[in-house]
PDB file of N, CA and C in Angstrom:
ATOM      1  N   MET A   1      36.405 -82.567  38.208  1.00  0.00           N
ATOM      2  CA  MET A   1      35.448 -81.621  38.333  1.00  0.00           C
ATOM      3  C   MET A   1      35.768 -80.679  39.369  1.00  0.00           C
ATOM      4  N   ALA A   2      35.643 -79.418  39.129  1.00  0.00           N
ATOM      5  CA  ALA A   2      36.046 -78.402  40.125  1.00  0.00           C
ATOM      6  C   ALA A   2      34.803 -78.202  40.994  1.00  0.00           C
ATOM      7  N   ASN A   3      35.093 -77.919  42.291  1.00  0.00           N
ATOM      8  CA  ASN A   3      33.956 -77.500  43.235  1.00  0.00           C
ATOM      9  C   ASN A   3      33.557 -76.048  43.120  1.00  0.00           C
ATOM     10  N   PHE A   4      34.584 -75.240  42.570  1.00  0.00           N
ATOM     11  CA  PHE A   4      34.306 -73.719  42.389  1.00  0.00           C
ATOM     12  C   PHE A   4      34.072 -73.408  40.973  1.00  0.00           C
ATOM     13  N   VAL A   5      32.918 -72.750  40.624  1.00  0.00           N
ATOM     14  CA  VAL A   5      32.667 -72.188  39.267  1.00  0.00           C
ATOM     15  C   VAL A   5      32.387 -70.683  39.511  1.00  0.00           C
ATOM     16  N   LEU A   6      33.156 -69.924  38.710  1.00  0.00           N
ATOM     17  CA  LEU A   6      32.824 -68.454  38.721  1.00  0.00           C
ATOM     18  C   LEU A   6      32.501 -68.001  37.306  1.00  0.00           C
ATOM     19  N   ASN A   7      31.646 -67.074  37.302  1.00  0.00           N
ATOM     20  CA  ASN A   7      31.228 -66.456  36.093  1.00  0.00           C
ATOM     21  C   ASN A   7      32.002 -65.170  35.823  1.00  0.00           C
ATOM     22  N   ALA A   8      32.576 -65.028  34.691  1.00  0.00           N
ATOM     23  CA  ALA A   8      33.319 -63.821  34.398  1.00  0.00           C
ATOM     24  C   ALA A   8      32.917 -63.183  33.029  1.00  0.00           C
ATOM     25  N   GLU A   9      33.307 -61.940  32.866  1.00  0.00           N
ATOM     26  CA  GLU A   9      33.086 -61.247  31.673  1.00  0.00           C
ATOM     27  C   GLU A   9      34.409 -60.739  31.096  1.00  0.00           C
ATOM     28  N   ALA A  10      34.669 -61.026  29.786  1.00  0.00           N
ATOM     29  CA  ALA A  10      35.873 -60.621  29.225  1.00  0.00           C
ATOM     30  C   ALA A  10      35.945 -59.052  29.176  1.00  0.00           C
ATOM     31  N   ARG A  11      37.251 -58.496  29.364  1.00  0.00           N
ATOM     32  CA  ARG A  11      37.324 -56.990  29.155  1.00  0.00           C
ATOM     33  C   ARG A  11      38.199 -56.794  27.928  1.00  0.00           C
ATOM     34  N   GLU A  12      37.790 -55.728  27.218  1.00  0.00           N
ATOM     35  CA  GLU A  12      38.554 -55.221  25.973  1.00  0.00           C
ATOM     36  C   GLU A  12      39.788 -54.602  26.433  1.00  0.00           C
ATOM     37  N   GLU A  13      40.736 -54.437  25.521  1.00  0.00           N
ATOM     38  CA  GLU A  13      42.004 -53.728  25.863  1.00  0.00           C
ATOM     39  C   GLU A  13      41.673 -52.098  26.135  1.00  0.00           C
ATOM     40  N   ALA A  14      40.561 -51.710  25.579  1.00  0.00           N
ATOM     41  CA  ALA A  14      40.195 -50.186  25.628  1.00  0.00           C
ATOM     42  C   ALA A  14      39.776 -49.933  27.182  1.00  0.00           C
ATOM     43  N   ILE A  15      39.268 -51.087  27.854  1.00  0.00           N
ATOM     44  CA  ILE A  15      38.759 -50.717  29.127  1.00  0.00           C
ATOM     45  C   ILE A  15      39.709 -51.479  30.158  1.00  0.00           C
ATOM     46  N   GLN A  16      40.866 -51.275  30.073  1.00  0.00           N
ATOM     47  CA  GLN A  16      41.938 -51.863  30.936  1.00  0.00           C
ATOM     48  C   GLN A  16      42.735 -50.731  31.614  1.00  0.00           C
ATOM     49  N   GLY A  17      43.326 -50.805  32.609  1.00  0.00           N
ATOM     50  CA  GLY A  17      44.187 -49.792  33.271  1.00  0.00           C
ATOM     51  C   GLY A  17      43.615 -49.332  34.587  1.00  0.00           C
ATOM     52  N   LYS A  18      44.285 -48.347  35.313  1.00  0.00           N
ATOM     53  CA  LYS A  18      43.891 -47.960  36.522  1.00  0.00           C
ATOM     54  C   LYS A  18      42.479 -47.395  36.600  1.00  0.00           C
ATOM     55  N   GLY A  19      42.075 -46.426  35.818  1.00  0.00           N
ATOM     56  CA  GLY A  19      40.793 -45.710  35.704  1.00  0.00           C
ATOM     57  C   GLY A  19      39.710 -46.845  35.578  1.00  0.00           C
ATOM     58  N   SER A  20      39.924 -47.669  34.627  1.00  0.00           N
ATOM     59  CA  SER A  20      38.914 -48.658  34.265  1.00  0.00           C
ATOM     60  C   SER A  20      38.677 -49.523  35.467  1.00  0.00           C
ATOM     61  N   SER A  21      39.809 -49.939  36.182  1.00  0.00           N
ATOM     62  CA  SER A  21      39.715 -50.876  37.177  1.00  0.00           C
ATOM     63  C   SER A  21      38.969 -50.277  38.425  1.00  0.00           C
ATOM     64  N   ARG A  22      39.208 -48.945  38.556  1.00  0.00           N
ATOM     65  CA  ARG A  22      38.424 -48.239  39.632  1.00  0.00           C
ATOM     66  C   ARG A  22      37.051 -48.287  39.449  1.00  0.00           C
ATOM     67  N   ARG A  23      36.708 -48.008  38.064  1.00  0.00           N
ATOM     68  CA  ARG A  23      35.101 -47.954  37.692  1.00  0.00           C
ATOM     69  C   ARG A  23      34.572 -49.374  38.068  1.00  0.00           C
ATOM     70  N   LEU A  24      35.308 -50.360  37.646  1.00  0.00           N
ATOM     71  CA  LEU A  24      34.739 -51.744  37.805  1.00  0.00           C
ATOM     72  C   LEU A  24      34.595 -52.039  39.345  1.00  0.00           C
ATOM     73  N   ARG A  25      35.451 -51.623  40.187  1.00  0.00           N
ATOM     74  CA  ARG A  25      35.303 -51.860  41.523  1.00  0.00           C
ATOM     75  C   ARG A  25      34.074 -51.100  42.119  1.00  0.00           C
ATOM     76  N   ARG A  26      33.780 -49.965  41.721  1.00  0.00           N
ATOM     77  CA  ARG A  26      32.576 -49.167  42.116  1.00  0.00           C
ATOM     78  C   ARG A  26      31.471 -49.944  41.788  1.00  0.00           C
ATOM     79  N   GLU A  27      31.478 -50.754  40.612  1.00  0.00           N
ATOM     80  CA  GLU A  27      30.215 -51.505  40.252  1.00  0.00           C
ATOM     81  C   GLU A  27      30.195 -53.002  40.809  1.00  0.00           C
ATOM     82  N   ASN A  28      30.968 -53.126  41.923  1.00  0.00           N
ATOM     83  CA  ASN A  28      31.221 -54.437  42.724  1.00  0.00           C
ATOM     84  C   ASN A  28      31.657 -55.444  41.671  1.00  0.00           C
ATOM     85  N   LEU A  29      32.689 -55.172  40.844  1.00  0.00           N
ATOM     86  CA  LEU A  29      33.313 -56.209  40.035  1.00  0.00           C
ATOM     87  C   LEU A  29      34.835 -56.104  40.381  1.00  0.00           C
ATOM     88  N   VAL A  30      35.438 -57.312  40.182  1.00  0.00           N
ATOM     89  CA  VAL A  30      36.944 -57.319  40.477  1.00  0.00           C
ATOM     90  C   VAL A  30      37.595 -57.540  39.214  1.00  0.00           C
ATOM     91  N   PRO A  31      38.603 -56.821  38.889  1.00  0.00           N
ATOM     92  CA  PRO A  31      39.424 -56.994  37.714  1.00  0.00           C
ATOM     93  C   PRO A  31      40.240 -58.283  38.026  1.00  0.00           C
ATOM     94  N   ALA A  32      40.476 -59.162  36.926  1.00  0.00           N
ATOM     95  CA  ALA A  32      41.332 -60.255  37.109  1.00  0.00           C
ATOM     96  C   ALA A  32      42.047 -60.567  35.674  1.00  0.00           C
ATOM     97  N   ILE A  33      42.940 -61.534  35.740  1.00  0.00           N
ATOM     98  CA  ILE A  33      43.534 -61.910  34.452  1.00  0.00           C
ATOM     99  C   ILE A  33      43.738 -63.349  34.553  1.00  0.00           C
ATOM    100  N   ILE A  34      43.610 -64.057  33.381  1.00  0.00           N
ATOM    101  CA  ILE A  34      43.864 -65.535  33.323  1.00  0.00           C
ATOM    102  C   ILE A  34      44.973 -65.666  32.255  1.00  0.00           C
ATOM    103  N   TYR A  35      46.034 -66.307  32.688  1.00  0.00           N
ATOM    104  CA  TYR A  35      47.163 -66.400  31.712  1.00  0.00           C
ATOM    105  C   TYR A  35      47.786 -67.769  31.934  1.00  0.00           C
ATOM    106  N   GLY A  36      48.870 -68.119  31.169  1.00  0.00           N
ATOM    107  CA  GLY A  36      49.493 -69.367  31.110  1.00  0.00           C
ATOM    108  C   GLY A  36      49.101 -70.339  30.033  1.00  0.00           C
ATOM    109  N   GLY A  37      49.735 -71.419  29.866  1.00  0.00           N
ATOM    110  CA  GLY A  37      49.319 -72.322  28.902  1.00  0.00           C
ATOM    111  C   GLY A  37      49.705 -71.856  27.434  1.00  0.00           C
ATOM    112  N   GLU A  38      49.031 -72.375  26.354  1.00  0.00           N
ATOM    113  CA  GLU A  38      49.315 -71.978  25.002  1.00  0.00           C
ATOM    114  C   GLU A  38      48.537 -70.692  24.592  1.00  0.00           C
ATOM    115  N   ALA A  39      47.407 -70.494  25.199  1.00  0.00           N
ATOM    116  CA  ALA A  39      46.541 -69.325  24.865  1.00  0.00           C
ATOM    117  C   ALA A  39      47.034 -68.032  25.392  1.00  0.00           C
ATOM    118  N   GLU A  40      46.524 -67.008  24.802  1.00  0.00           N
ATOM    119  CA  GLU A  40      46.882 -65.687  25.162  1.00  0.00           C
ATOM    120  C   GLU A  40      46.259 -65.259  26.481  1.00  0.00           C
ATOM    121  N   PRO A  41      46.821 -64.347  27.246  1.00  0.00           N
ATOM    122  CA  PRO A  41      46.238 -63.827  28.443  1.00  0.00           C
ATOM    123  C   PRO A  41      44.863 -63.198  28.135  1.00  0.00           C
ATOM    124  N   VAL A  42      43.888 -63.370  29.125  1.00  0.00           N
ATOM    125  CA  VAL A  42      42.542 -62.867  29.019  1.00  0.00           C
ATOM    126  C   VAL A  42      42.392 -61.910  30.207  1.00  0.00           C
ATOM    127  N   ALA A  43      42.014 -60.647  29.898  1.00  0.00           N
ATOM    128  CA  ALA A  43      41.464 -59.855  31.232  1.00  0.00           C
ATOM    129  C   ALA A  43      40.054 -59.999  31.225  1.00  0.00           C
ATOM    130  N   VAL A  44      39.627 -60.328  32.500  1.00  0.00           N
ATOM    131  CA  VAL A  44      38.207 -60.541  32.953  1.00  0.00           C
ATOM    132  C   VAL A  44      37.837 -59.742  34.052  1.00  0.00           C
ATOM    133  N   SER A  45      36.442 -59.519  34.310  1.00  0.00           N
ATOM    134  CA  SER A  45      36.028 -59.023  35.536  1.00  0.00           C
ATOM    135  C   SER A  45      35.103 -60.068  36.219  1.00  0.00           C
ATOM    136  N   LEU A  46      35.212 -60.265  37.552  1.00  0.00           N
ATOM    137  CA  LEU A  46      34.484 -61.198  38.259  1.00  0.00           C
ATOM    138  C   LEU A  46      33.528 -60.409  39.044  1.00  0.00           C
ATOM    139  N   HIS A  47      32.417 -61.074  39.598  1.00  0.00           N
ATOM    140  CA  HIS A  47      31.478 -60.434  40.416  1.00  0.00           C
ATOM    141  C   HIS A  47      32.067 -60.548  41.934  1.00  0.00           C
ATOM    142  N   LEU A  48      32.107 -59.440  42.563  1.00  0.00           N
ATOM    143  CA  LEU A  48      32.726 -59.330  43.931  1.00  0.00           C
ATOM    144  C   LEU A  48      31.986 -60.370  44.812  1.00  0.00           C
ATOM    145  N   ARG A  49      30.677 -60.401  44.882  1.00  0.00           N
ATOM    146  CA  ARG A  49      30.115 -61.318  45.825  1.00  0.00           C
ATOM    147  C   ARG A  49      30.330 -62.766  45.608  1.00  0.00           C
ATOM    148  N   GLU A  50      30.415 -63.242  44.259  1.00  0.00           N
ATOM    149  CA  GLU A  50      30.814 -64.618  43.992  1.00  0.00           C
ATOM    150  C   GLU A  50      32.281 -64.900  44.525  1.00  0.00           C
ATOM    151  N   LEU A  51      33.179 -63.953  44.186  1.00  0.00           N
ATOM    152  CA  LEU A  51      34.476 -64.229  44.586  1.00  0.00           C
ATOM    153  C   LEU A  51      34.654 -64.263  46.175  1.00  0.00           C
ATOM    154  N   VAL A  52      34.048 -63.339  46.854  1.00  0.00           N
ATOM    155  CA  VAL A  52      34.175 -63.437  48.312  1.00  0.00           C
ATOM    156  C   VAL A  52      33.549 -64.687  48.836  1.00  0.00           C
ATOM    157  N   LYS A  53      32.415 -65.160  48.358  1.00  0.00           N
ATOM    158  CA  LYS A  53      31.906 -66.355  48.763  1.00  0.00           C
ATOM    159  C   LYS A  53      32.848 -67.566  48.561  1.00  0.00           C
ATOM    160  N   ALA A  54      33.439 -67.576  47.389  1.00  0.00           N
ATOM    161  CA  ALA A  54      34.583 -68.611  47.217  1.00  0.00           C
ATOM    162  C   ALA A  54      35.772 -68.619  47.948  1.00  0.00           C
ATOM    163  N   LEU A  55      36.132 -67.267  48.320  1.00  0.00           N
ATOM    164  CA  LEU A  55      37.371 -67.073  49.203  1.00  0.00           C
ATOM    165  C   LEU A  55      37.161 -67.598  50.607  1.00  0.00           C
ATOM    166  N   GLU A  56      35.921 -67.643  50.951  1.00  0.00           N
ATOM    167  CA  GLU A  56      35.595 -68.029  52.446  1.00  0.00           C
ATOM    168  C   GLU A  56      36.115 -69.592  52.651  1.00  0.00           C
ATOM    169  N   ASN A  57      36.098 -70.232  51.689  1.00  0.00           N
ATOM    170  CA  ASN A  57      36.593 -71.708  51.823  1.00  0.00           C
ATOM    171  C   ASN A  57      38.040 -71.798  51.333  1.00  0.00           C
ATOM    172  N   ASN A  58      38.880 -72.350  52.283  1.00  0.00           N
ATOM    173  CA  ASN A  58      40.304 -72.568  52.068  1.00  0.00           C
ATOM    174  C   ASN A  58      40.551 -73.406  51.014  1.00  0.00           C
ATOM    175  N   GLN A  59      39.753 -74.409  50.467  1.00  0.00           N
ATOM    176  CA  GLN A  59      40.026 -75.216  49.432  1.00  0.00           C
ATOM    177  C   GLN A  59      40.230 -74.511  48.008  1.00  0.00           C
ATOM    178  N   PHE A  60      39.490 -73.237  48.030  1.00  0.00           N
ATOM    179  CA  PHE A  60      39.660 -72.463  46.827  1.00  0.00           C
ATOM    180  C   PHE A  60      41.086 -72.126  46.394  1.00  0.00           C
ATOM    181  N   PHE A  61      41.882 -72.031  47.478  1.00  0.00           N
ATOM    182  CA  PHE A  61      43.415 -71.786  47.085  1.00  0.00           C
ATOM    183  C   PHE A  61      44.141 -73.090  46.709  1.00  0.00           C
ATOM    184  N   GLU A  62      43.642 -74.162  46.817  1.00  0.00           N
ATOM    185  CA  GLU A  62      44.386 -75.369  46.472  1.00  0.00           C
ATOM    186  C   GLU A  62      43.681 -76.197  45.334  1.00  0.00           C
ATOM    187  N   GLU A  63      42.495 -76.054  45.124  1.00  0.00           N
ATOM    188  CA  GLU A  63      41.864 -76.689  43.929  1.00  0.00           C
ATOM    189  C   GLU A  63      41.753 -76.046  42.613  1.00  0.00           C
ATOM    190  N   VAL A  64      41.479 -76.741  41.636  1.00  0.00           N
ATOM    191  CA  VAL A  64      41.261 -76.063  40.239  1.00  0.00           C
ATOM    192  C   VAL A  64      40.013 -75.501  40.325  1.00  0.00           C
ATOM    193  N   VAL A  65      39.892 -74.289  39.744  1.00  0.00           N
ATOM    194  CA  VAL A  65      38.650 -73.478  39.804  1.00  0.00           C
ATOM    195  C   VAL A  65      38.236 -73.328  38.252  1.00  0.00           C
ATOM    196  N   GLU A  66      36.937 -73.453  37.972  1.00  0.00           N
ATOM    197  CA  GLU A  66      36.472 -73.204  36.637  1.00  0.00           C
ATOM    198  C   GLU A  66      35.918 -71.785  36.619  1.00  0.00           C
ATOM    199  N   ILE A  67      36.403 -71.225  35.432  1.00  0.00           N
ATOM    200  CA  ILE A  67      35.903 -69.714  35.258  1.00  0.00           C
ATOM    201  C   ILE A  67      35.195 -69.756  33.825  1.00  0.00           C
ATOM    202  N   ASN A  68      33.900 -69.359  33.916  1.00  0.00           N
ATOM    203  CA  ASN A  68      33.140 -69.384  32.637  1.00  0.00           C
ATOM    204  C   ASN A  68      33.187 -67.981  32.077  1.00  0.00           C
ATOM    205  N   VAL A  69      33.901 -67.921  30.925  1.00  0.00           N
ATOM    206  CA  VAL A  69      34.043 -66.573  30.189  1.00  0.00           C
ATOM    207  C   VAL A  69      33.354 -66.652  28.922  1.00  0.00           C
ATOM    208  N   ALA A  70      32.221 -66.133  28.871  1.00  0.00           N
ATOM    209  CA  ALA A  70      31.341 -65.979  27.537  1.00  0.00           C
ATOM    210  C   ALA A  70      31.067 -67.443  27.072  1.00  0.00           C
ATOM    211  N   GLY A  71      30.721 -68.443  27.720  1.00  0.00           N
ATOM    212  CA  GLY A  71      30.498 -69.685  27.343  1.00  0.00           C
ATOM    213  C   GLY A  71      31.736 -70.616  27.208  1.00  0.00           C
ATOM    214  N   LYS A  72      32.827 -70.161  27.355  1.00  0.00           N
ATOM    215  CA  LYS A  72      34.128 -70.770  27.402  1.00  0.00           C
ATOM    216  C   LYS A  72      34.629 -71.098  28.758  1.00  0.00           C
ATOM    217  N   VAL A  73      34.835 -72.366  29.218  1.00  0.00           N
ATOM    218  CA  VAL A  73      35.188 -72.643  30.580  1.00  0.00           C
ATOM    219  C   VAL A  73      36.755 -72.856  30.664  1.00  0.00           C
ATOM    220  N   GLU A  74      37.398 -72.073  31.504  1.00  0.00           N
ATOM    221  CA  GLU A  74      38.721 -72.104  31.752  1.00  0.00           C
ATOM    222  C   GLU A  74      39.017 -72.888  33.044  1.00  0.00           C
ATOM    223  N   SER A  75      39.828 -73.933  32.985  1.00  0.00           N
ATOM    224  CA  SER A  75      40.402 -74.572  34.329  1.00  0.00           C
ATOM    225  C   SER A  75      41.621 -73.844  34.840  1.00  0.00           C
ATOM    226  N   VAL A  76      41.570 -73.237  36.001  1.00  0.00           N
ATOM    227  CA  VAL A  76      42.611 -72.336  36.422  1.00  0.00           C
ATOM    228  C   VAL A  76      42.888 -72.657  37.965  1.00  0.00           C
ATOM    229  N   LYS A  77      44.028 -72.242  38.430  1.00  0.00           N
ATOM    230  CA  LYS A  77      44.239 -72.139  39.914  1.00  0.00           C
ATOM    231  C   LYS A  77      44.617 -70.630  40.179  1.00  0.00           C
ATOM    232  N   ILE A  78      44.317 -70.189  41.305  1.00  0.00           N
ATOM    233  CA  ILE A  78      44.544 -68.891  41.693  1.00  0.00           C
ATOM    234  C   ILE A  78      46.055 -68.790  42.103  1.00  0.00           C
ATOM    235  N   GLN A  79      46.645 -67.738  41.387  1.00  0.00           N
ATOM    236  CA  GLN A  79      48.066 -67.397  41.494  1.00  0.00           C
ATOM    237  C   GLN A  79      48.389 -66.359  42.543  1.00  0.00           C
ATOM    238  N   ALA A  80      47.612 -65.271  42.492  1.00  0.00           N
ATOM    239  CA  ALA A  80      47.887 -64.032  43.313  1.00  0.00           C
ATOM    240  C   ALA A  80      46.509 -63.487  43.539  1.00  0.00           C
ATOM    241  N   LEU A  81      46.356 -62.775  44.699  1.00  0.00           N
ATOM    242  CA  LEU A  81      45.194 -62.018  45.139  1.00  0.00           C
ATOM    243  C   LEU A  81      45.602 -60.886  45.895  1.00  0.00           C
ATOM    244  N   GLN A  82      45.092 -59.701  45.409  1.00  0.00           N
ATOM    245  CA  GLN A  82      45.428 -58.537  46.068  1.00  0.00           C
ATOM    246  C   GLN A  82      44.160 -58.027  46.793  1.00  0.00           C
ATOM    247  N   ARG A  83      44.366 -57.503  47.958  1.00  0.00           N
ATOM    248  CA  ARG A  83      43.257 -57.164  48.868  1.00  0.00           C
ATOM    249  C   ARG A  83      43.403 -55.683  49.275  1.00  0.00           C
ATOM    250  N   HIS A  84      42.251 -55.037  49.477  1.00  0.00           N
ATOM    251  CA  HIS A  84      42.221 -53.659  49.991  1.00  0.00           C
ATOM    252  C   HIS A  84      42.856 -53.648  51.422  1.00  0.00           C
ATOM    253  N   PRO A  85      43.969 -52.767  51.680  1.00  0.00           N
ATOM    254  CA  PRO A  85      44.581 -52.718  53.000  1.00  0.00           C
ATOM    255  C   PRO A  85      43.603 -52.571  54.184  1.00  0.00           C
ATOM    256  N   ALA A  86      42.620 -51.839  54.142  1.00  0.00           N
ATOM    257  CA  ALA A  86      41.791 -51.529  55.188  1.00  0.00           C
ATOM    258  C   ALA A  86      40.517 -52.389  55.231  1.00  0.00           C
ATOM    259  N   LYS A  87      39.821 -52.600  54.078  1.00  0.00           N
ATOM    260  CA  LYS A  87      38.569 -53.216  53.998  1.00  0.00           C
ATOM    261  C   LYS A  87      38.821 -54.692  53.754  1.00  0.00           C
ATOM    262  N   ASN A  88      39.951 -55.214  53.432  1.00  0.00           N
ATOM    263  CA  ASN A  88      40.228 -56.639  53.151  1.00  0.00           C
ATOM    264  C   ASN A  88      39.375 -57.176  52.103  1.00  0.00           C
ATOM    265  N   THR A  89      38.755 -56.365  51.091  1.00  0.00           N
ATOM    266  CA  THR A  89      38.002 -56.946  50.138  1.00  0.00           C
ATOM    267  C   THR A  89      39.071 -57.112  48.827  1.00  0.00           C
ATOM    268  N   PRO A  90      38.694 -58.142  47.966  1.00  0.00           N
ATOM    269  CA  PRO A  90      39.713 -58.400  46.892  1.00  0.00           C
ATOM    270  C   PRO A  90      39.645 -57.193  45.912  1.00  0.00           C
ATOM    271  N   MET A  91      40.836 -56.808  45.502  1.00  0.00           N
ATOM    272  CA  MET A  91      40.987 -55.698  44.464  1.00  0.00           C
ATOM    273  C   MET A  91      41.345 -56.238  43.122  1.00  0.00           C
ATOM    274  N   HIS A  92      42.157 -57.490  43.049  1.00  0.00           N
ATOM    275  CA  HIS A  92      42.527 -57.933  41.781  1.00  0.00           C
ATOM    276  C   HIS A  92      42.936 -59.387  42.005  1.00  0.00           C
ATOM    277  N   ALA A  93      42.752 -60.161  41.131  1.00  0.00           N
ATOM    278  CA  ALA A  93      43.217 -61.488  41.064  1.00  0.00           C
ATOM    279  C   ALA A  93      43.845 -62.058  39.934  1.00  0.00           C
ATOM    280  N   ASP A  94      44.803 -62.854  40.033  1.00  0.00           N
ATOM    281  CA  ASP A  94      45.625 -63.589  38.856  1.00  0.00           C
ATOM    282  C   ASP A  94      45.353 -64.981  38.988  1.00  0.00           C
ATOM    283  N   PHE A  95      44.937 -65.590  37.770  1.00  0.00           N
ATOM    284  CA  PHE A  95      44.582 -66.940  37.664  1.00  0.00           C
ATOM    285  C   PHE A  95      45.591 -67.538  36.628  1.00  0.00           C
ATOM    286  N   LYS A  96      46.141 -68.789  36.975  1.00  0.00           N
ATOM    287  CA  LYS A  96      46.968 -69.389  36.010  1.00  0.00           C
ATOM    288  C   LYS A  96      46.278 -70.654  35.467  1.00  0.00           C
ATOM    289  N   ARG A  97      46.272 -70.950  34.153  1.00  0.00           N
ATOM    290  CA  ARG A  97      45.659 -72.000  33.599  1.00  0.00           C
ATOM    291  C   ARG A  97      46.265 -73.391  34.131  1.00  0.00           C
ATOM    292  N   ALA A  98      45.385 -74.202  34.423  1.00  0.00           N
ATOM    293  CA  ALA A  98      45.994 -75.607  34.902  1.00  0.00           C
ATOM    294  C   ALA A  98      46.167 -76.549  33.879  1.00  0.00           C
TER     295      ALA A  98
END
């Protein structure tokens, strides 16, 4: 059982890219991707507040995290995290299926 559970919304291919990511960030969402395993990669958006709260705990980087995407739970580990250079807020996250 994972200690960290994040809620996410799947993003369609039409709303991916630089402009779409900027719009998501203005709405306090963080673009992310879930990849690995047998399934196809899934582009998602996470709520900034939930992600920042989880990042405060160092265990987040070591344990399996559960991401709830439209009722389907994905068990993942964080692979990469990009932060804003000045504000230090998360800008993008990569998750790899466990």
